[in-house]
Amino acid sequence: MDKLKLTSVKILESLYLQFKKSCLDDDFTLQKFVNRSLDLYSNDETFRKKVLKYDKLEQSGSMI
């Protein structure tokens, strides 16, 4: 297994709470989501383009 890298990121609280509620029944975690998303972003051109074009989040003072 690959080594784990501990990181710290700031995420929107409202999105995180919505995500947590969605994950309760699925036994899904933020760590699983991030790892799978990173893999898809790196290896799936369609997914990458979709993420890069996504603009439905409001601009704030952070780097969203």
PDB file of N, CA and C in Angstrom:
ATOM      1  N   MET A   1       0.842  -1.185   0.000  1.00  0.00           N
ATOM      2  CA  MET A   1       0.000   0.000   0.000  1.00  0.00           C
ATOM      3  C   MET A   1       0.883   1.244   0.000  1.00  0.00           C
ATOM      4  N   ASP A   2       0.421   2.239  -0.682  1.00  0.00           N
ATOM      5  CA  ASP A   2       1.119   3.517  -0.739  1.00  0.00           C
ATOM      6  C   ASP A   2       1.164   4.161   0.648  1.00  0.00           C
ATOM      7  N   LYS A   3       2.190   4.978   0.882  1.00  0.00           N
ATOM      8  CA  LYS A   3       2.260   5.714   2.138  1.00  0.00           C
ATOM      9  C   LYS A   3       1.161   6.766   2.157  1.00  0.00           C
ATOM     10  N   LEU A   4       0.710   7.121   3.351  1.00  0.00           N
ATOM     11  CA  LEU A   4      -0.314   8.143   3.490  1.00  0.00           C
ATOM     12  C   LEU A   4       0.333   9.504   3.681  1.00  0.00           C
ATOM     13  N   LYS A   5      -0.270  10.521   3.118  1.00  0.00           N
ATOM     14  CA  LYS A   5       0.211  11.894   3.234  1.00  0.00           C
ATOM     15  C   LYS A   5      -0.843  12.695   3.995  1.00  0.00           C
ATOM     16  N   LEU A   6      -0.480  13.222   5.142  1.00  0.00           N
ATOM     17  CA  LEU A   6      -1.394  14.028   5.928  1.00  0.00           C
ATOM     18  C   LEU A   6      -1.403  15.447   5.379  1.00  0.00           C
ATOM     19  N   THR A   7      -2.591  15.935   5.044  1.00  0.00           N
ATOM     20  CA  THR A   7      -2.721  17.297   4.525  1.00  0.00           C
ATOM     21  C   THR A   7      -3.804  18.017   5.315  1.00  0.00           C
ATOM     22  N   SER A   8      -3.874  19.294   5.125  1.00  0.00           N
ATOM     23  CA  SER A   8      -4.910  20.105   5.752  1.00  0.00           C
ATOM     24  C   SER A   8      -5.497  21.004   4.685  1.00  0.00           C
ATOM     25  N   VAL A   9      -6.789  20.931   4.513  1.00  0.00           N
ATOM     26  CA  VAL A   9      -7.460  21.789   3.543  1.00  0.00           C
ATOM     27  C   VAL A   9      -8.673  22.430   4.204  1.00  0.00           C
ATOM     28  N   LYS A  10      -8.998  23.621   3.759  1.00  0.00           N
ATOM     29  CA  LYS A  10     -10.189  24.299   4.245  1.00  0.00           C
ATOM     30  C   LYS A  10     -11.309  24.009   3.263  1.00  0.00           C
ATOM     31  N   ILE A  11     -12.442  23.559   3.791  1.00  0.00           N
ATOM     32  CA  ILE A  11     -13.591  23.270   2.946  1.00  0.00           C
ATOM     33  C   ILE A  11     -14.790  24.047   3.476  1.00  0.00           C
ATOM     34  N   LEU A  12     -15.748  24.265   2.612  1.00  0.00           N
ATOM     35  CA  LEU A  12     -16.948  24.992   3.013  1.00  0.00           C
ATOM     36  C   LEU A  12     -17.758  24.139   3.981  1.00  0.00           C
ATOM     37  N   GLU A  13     -18.078  24.717   5.121  1.00  0.00           N
ATOM     38  CA  GLU A  13     -18.767  23.971   6.173  1.00  0.00           C
ATOM     39  C   GLU A  13     -20.117  23.431   5.708  1.00  0.00           C
ATOM     40  N   SER A  14     -20.875  24.241   4.994  1.00  0.00           N
ATOM     41  CA  SER A  14     -22.193  23.795   4.548  1.00  0.00           C
ATOM     42  C   SER A  14     -22.085  22.596   3.603  1.00  0.00           C
ATOM     43  N   LEU A  15     -21.080  22.601   2.730  1.00  0.00           N
ATOM     44  CA  LEU A  15     -20.887  21.458   1.826  1.00  0.00           C
ATOM     45  C   LEU A  15     -20.456  20.224   2.597  1.00  0.00           C
ATOM     46  N   TYR A  16     -19.595  20.423   3.609  1.00  0.00           N
ATOM     47  CA  TYR A  16     -19.133  19.288   4.406  1.00  0.00           C
ATOM     48  C   TYR A  16     -20.290  18.660   5.178  1.00  0.00           C
ATOM     49  N   LEU A  17     -21.150  19.483   5.759  1.00  0.00           N
ATOM     50  CA  LEU A  17     -22.291  18.947   6.512  1.00  0.00           C
ATOM     51  C   LEU A  17     -23.235  18.192   5.592  1.00  0.00           C
ATOM     52  N   GLN A  18     -23.451  18.725   4.403  1.00  0.00           N
ATOM     53  CA  GLN A  18     -24.290  18.049   3.411  1.00  0.00           C
ATOM     54  C   GLN A  18     -23.660  16.712   3.010  1.00  0.00           C
ATOM     55  N   PHE A  19     -22.352  16.706   2.811  1.00  0.00           N
ATOM     56  CA  PHE A  19     -21.619  15.486   2.461  1.00  0.00           C
ATOM     57  C   PHE A  19     -21.742  14.444   3.579  1.00  0.00           C
ATOM     58  N   LYS A  20     -21.547  14.873   4.825  1.00  0.00           N
ATOM     59  CA  LYS A  20     -21.632  13.949   5.967  1.00  0.00           C
ATOM     60  C   LYS A  20     -23.001  13.289   6.047  1.00  0.00           C
ATOM     61  N   LYS A  21     -24.048  14.070   5.840  1.00  0.00           N
ATOM     62  CA  LYS A  21     -25.406  13.512   5.878  1.00  0.00           C
ATOM     63  C   LYS A  21     -25.595  12.490   4.760  1.00  0.00           C
ATOM     64  N   SER A  22     -25.068  12.791   3.595  1.00  0.00           N
ATOM     65  CA  SER A  22     -25.207  11.886   2.455  1.00  0.00           C
ATOM     66  C   SER A  22     -24.457  10.573   2.669  1.00  0.00           C
ATOM     67  N   CYS A  23     -23.397  10.612   3.443  1.00  0.00           N
ATOM     68  CA  CYS A  23     -22.515   9.452   3.599  1.00  0.00           C
ATOM     69  C   CYS A  23     -22.923   8.497   4.711  1.00  0.00           C
ATOM     70  N   LEU A  24     -23.831   8.896   5.571  1.00  0.00           N
ATOM     71  CA  LEU A  24     -24.185   8.063   6.719  1.00  0.00           C
ATOM     72  C   LEU A  24     -24.641   6.665   6.327  1.00  0.00           C
ATOM     73  N   ASP A  25     -25.499   6.574   5.352  1.00  0.00           N
ATOM     74  CA  ASP A  25     -26.040   5.270   4.948  1.00  0.00           C
ATOM     75  C   ASP A  25     -25.074   4.470   4.091  1.00  0.00           C
ATOM     76  N   ASP A  26     -24.120   5.129   3.476  1.00  0.00           N
ATOM     77  CA  ASP A  26     -23.223   4.467   2.534  1.00  0.00           C
ATOM     78  C   ASP A  26     -21.907   4.004   3.147  1.00  0.00           C
ATOM     79  N   ASP A  27     -21.672   4.311   4.412  1.00  0.00           N
ATOM     80  CA  ASP A  27     -20.392   4.003   5.049  1.00  0.00           C
ATOM     81  C   ASP A  27     -19.247   4.552   4.201  1.00  0.00           C
ATOM     82  N   PHE A  28     -19.386   5.813   3.827  1.00  0.00           N
ATOM     83  CA  PHE A  28     -18.424   6.491   2.967  1.00  0.00           C
ATOM     84  C   PHE A  28     -17.806   7.631   3.768  1.00  0.00           C
ATOM     85  N   THR A  29     -16.521   7.873   3.571  1.00  0.00           N
ATOM     86  CA  THR A  29     -15.828   8.899   4.346  1.00  0.00           C
ATOM     87  C   THR A  29     -15.219   9.947   3.424  1.00  0.00           C
ATOM     88  N   LEU A  30     -14.845  11.059   4.017  1.00  0.00           N
ATOM     89  CA  LEU A  30     -14.177  12.104   3.263  1.00  0.00           C
ATOM     90  C   LEU A  30     -12.847  11.594   2.716  1.00  0.00           C
ATOM     91  N   GLN A  31     -12.159  10.783   3.484  1.00  0.00           N
ATOM     92  CA  GLN A  31     -10.881  10.232   3.023  1.00  0.00           C
ATOM     93  C   GLN A  31     -11.076   9.354   1.786  1.00  0.00           C
ATOM     94  N   LYS A  32     -12.090   8.505   1.809  1.00  0.00           N
ATOM     95  CA  LYS A  32     -12.381   7.677   0.633  1.00  0.00           C
ATOM     96  C   LYS A  32     -12.722   8.548  -0.564  1.00  0.00           C
ATOM     97  N   PHE A  33     -13.533   9.568  -0.318  1.00  0.00           N
ATOM     98  CA  PHE A  33     -13.933  10.465  -1.395  1.00  0.00           C
ATOM     99  C   PHE A  33     -12.732  11.180  -2.014  1.00  0.00           C
ATOM    100  N   VAL A  34     -11.882  11.714  -1.172  1.00  0.00           N
ATOM    101  CA  VAL A  34     -10.724  12.463  -1.668  1.00  0.00           C
ATOM    102  C   VAL A  34      -9.786  11.548  -2.443  1.00  0.00           C
ATOM    103  N   ASN A  35      -9.483  10.374  -1.900  1.00  0.00           N
ATOM    104  CA  ASN A  35      -8.585   9.450  -2.599  1.00  0.00           C
ATOM    105  C   ASN A  35      -9.145   9.026  -3.954  1.00  0.00           C
ATOM    106  N   ARG A  36     -10.424   8.730  -4.002  1.00  0.00           N
ATOM    107  CA  ARG A  36     -11.040   8.316  -5.263  1.00  0.00           C
ATOM    108  C   ARG A  36     -11.104   9.471  -6.250  1.00  0.00           C
ATOM    109  N   SER A  37     -11.404  10.658  -5.732  1.00  0.00           N
ATOM    110  CA  SER A  37     -11.461  11.838  -6.600  1.00  0.00           C
ATOM    111  C   SER A  37     -10.092  12.169  -7.177  1.00  0.00           C
ATOM    112  N   LEU A  38      -9.054  12.076  -6.359  1.00  0.00           N
ATOM    113  CA  LEU A  38      -7.701  12.324  -6.847  1.00  0.00           C
ATOM    114  C   LEU A  38      -7.324  11.327  -7.938  1.00  0.00           C
ATOM    115  N   ASP A  39      -7.698  10.077  -7.744  1.00  0.00           N
ATOM    116  CA  ASP A  39      -7.403   9.055  -8.741  1.00  0.00           C
ATOM    117  C   ASP A  39      -8.155   9.330 -10.041  1.00  0.00           C
ATOM    118  N   LEU A  40      -9.444   9.647  -9.920  1.00  0.00           N
ATOM    119  CA  LEU A  40     -10.230   9.949 -11.113  1.00  0.00           C
ATOM    120  C   LEU A  40      -9.697  11.187 -11.826  1.00  0.00           C
ATOM    121  N   TYR A  41      -9.353  12.209 -11.084  1.00  0.00           N
ATOM    122  CA  TYR A  41      -8.835  13.437 -11.686  1.00  0.00           C
ATOM    123  C   TYR A  41      -7.541  13.166 -12.455  1.00  0.00           C
ATOM    124  N   SER A  42      -6.711  12.297 -11.896  1.00  0.00           N
ATOM    125  CA  SER A  42      -5.429  11.987 -12.525  1.00  0.00           C
ATOM    126  C   SER A  42      -5.560  11.063 -13.728  1.00  0.00           C
ATOM    127  N   ASN A  43      -6.587  10.226 -13.752  1.00  0.00           N
ATOM    128  CA  ASN A  43      -6.660   9.167 -14.761  1.00  0.00           C
ATOM    129  C   ASN A  43      -7.867   9.204 -15.692  1.00  0.00           C
ATOM    130  N   ASP A  44      -8.807  10.071 -15.430  1.00  0.00           N
ATOM    131  CA  ASP A  44     -10.032  10.102 -16.227  1.00  0.00           C
ATOM    132  C   ASP A  44     -10.228  11.510 -16.798  1.00  0.00           C
ATOM    133  N   GLU A  45      -9.954  11.654 -18.078  1.00  0.00           N
ATOM    134  CA  GLU A  45     -10.008  12.960 -18.733  1.00  0.00           C
ATOM    135  C   GLU A  45     -11.397  13.583 -18.643  1.00  0.00           C
ATOM    136  N   THR A  46     -12.450  12.783 -18.768  1.00  0.00           N
ATOM    137  CA  THR A  46     -13.816  13.291 -18.694  1.00  0.00           C
ATOM    138  C   THR A  46     -14.098  13.867 -17.314  1.00  0.00           C
ATOM    139  N   PHE A  47     -13.699  13.145 -16.274  1.00  0.00           N
ATOM    140  CA  PHE A  47     -13.879  13.626 -14.910  1.00  0.00           C
ATOM    141  C   PHE A  47     -13.101  14.918 -14.698  1.00  0.00           C
ATOM    142  N   ARG A  48     -11.866  14.957 -15.146  1.00  0.00           N
ATOM    143  CA  ARG A  48     -11.029  16.145 -14.981  1.00  0.00           C
ATOM    144  C   ARG A  48     -11.666  17.365 -15.642  1.00  0.00           C
ATOM    145  N   LYS A  49     -12.143  17.203 -16.860  1.00  0.00           N
ATOM    146  CA  LYS A  49     -12.779  18.317 -17.561  1.00  0.00           C
ATOM    147  C   LYS A  49     -14.031  18.779 -16.825  1.00  0.00           C
ATOM    148  N   LYS A  50     -14.787  17.831 -16.306  1.00  0.00           N
ATOM    149  CA  LYS A  50     -16.009  18.175 -15.569  1.00  0.00           C
ATOM    150  C   LYS A  50     -15.667  18.996 -14.320  1.00  0.00           C
ATOM    151  N   VAL A  51     -14.649  18.591 -13.603  1.00  0.00           N
ATOM    152  CA  VAL A  51     -14.236  19.313 -12.392  1.00  0.00           C
ATOM    153  C   VAL A  51     -13.713  20.702 -12.746  1.00  0.00           C
ATOM    154  N   LEU A  52     -12.911  20.786 -13.775  1.00  0.00           N
ATOM    155  CA  LEU A  52     -12.336  22.072 -14.159  1.00  0.00           C
ATOM    156  C   LEU A  52     -13.397  23.066 -14.631  1.00  0.00           C
ATOM    157  N   LYS A  53     -14.465  22.572 -15.229  1.00  0.00           N
ATOM    158  CA  LYS A  53     -15.522  23.443 -15.725  1.00  0.00           C
ATOM    159  C   LYS A  53     -16.577  23.770 -14.670  1.00  0.00           C
ATOM    160  N   TYR A  54     -16.574  23.062 -13.552  1.00  0.00           N
ATOM    161  CA  TYR A  54     -17.590  23.241 -12.518  1.00  0.00           C
ATOM    162  C   TYR A  54     -17.476  24.635 -11.909  1.00  0.00           C
ATOM    163  N   ASP A  55     -18.571  25.377 -11.968  1.00  0.00           N
ATOM    164  CA  ASP A  55     -18.531  26.758 -11.472  1.00  0.00           C
ATOM    165  C   ASP A  55     -19.751  27.120 -10.623  1.00  0.00           C
ATOM    166  N   LYS A  56     -20.337  26.152  -9.965  1.00  0.00           N
ATOM    167  CA  LYS A  56     -21.558  26.393  -9.205  1.00  0.00           C
ATOM    168  C   LYS A  56     -21.314  26.817  -7.761  1.00  0.00           C
ATOM    169  N   LEU A  57     -20.055  26.954  -7.356  1.00  0.00           N
ATOM    170  CA  LEU A  57     -19.763  27.424  -6.008  1.00  0.00           C
ATOM    171  C   LEU A  57     -19.556  28.924  -6.035  1.00  0.00           C
ATOM    172  N   GLU A  58     -20.019  29.590  -4.991  1.00  0.00           N
ATOM    173  CA  GLU A  58     -19.854  31.034  -4.889  1.00  0.00           C
ATOM    174  C   GLU A  58     -18.421  31.385  -4.573  1.00  0.00           C
ATOM    175  N   GLN A  59     -17.933  32.429  -5.200  1.00  0.00           N
ATOM    176  CA  GLN A  59     -16.584  32.911  -4.895  1.00  0.00           C
ATOM    177  C   GLN A  59     -16.563  33.464  -3.476  1.00  0.00           C
ATOM    178  N   SER A  60     -15.479  33.202  -2.769  1.00  0.00           N
ATOM    179  CA  SER A  60     -15.305  33.760  -1.433  1.00  0.00           C
ATOM    180  C   SER A  60     -13.861  34.207  -1.325  1.00  0.00           C
ATOM    181  N   GLY A  61     -13.426  34.470  -0.112  1.00  0.00           N
ATOM    182  CA  GLY A  61     -12.051  34.909   0.086  1.00  0.00           C
ATOM    183  C   GLY A  61     -11.047  33.789  -0.053  1.00  0.00           C
ATOM    184  N   SER A  62     -11.519  32.547  -0.144  1.00  0.00           N
ATOM    185  CA  SER A  62     -10.597  31.416  -0.254  1.00  0.00           C
ATOM    186  C   SER A  62     -10.326  31.095  -1.714  1.00  0.00           C
ATOM    187  N   MET A  63      -9.588  30.057  -1.924  1.00  0.00           N
ATOM    188  CA  MET A  63      -9.205  29.660  -3.283  1.00  0.00           C
ATOM    189  C   MET A  63     -10.161  28.613  -3.846  1.00  0.00           C
ATOM    190  N   ILE A  64     -11.454  28.818  -3.738  1.00  0.00           N
ATOM    191  CA  ILE A  64     -12.444  27.871  -4.259  1.00  0.00           C
ATOM    192  C   ILE A  64     -12.373  27.931  -5.745  1.00  0.00           C
TER     193      ILE A  64
END
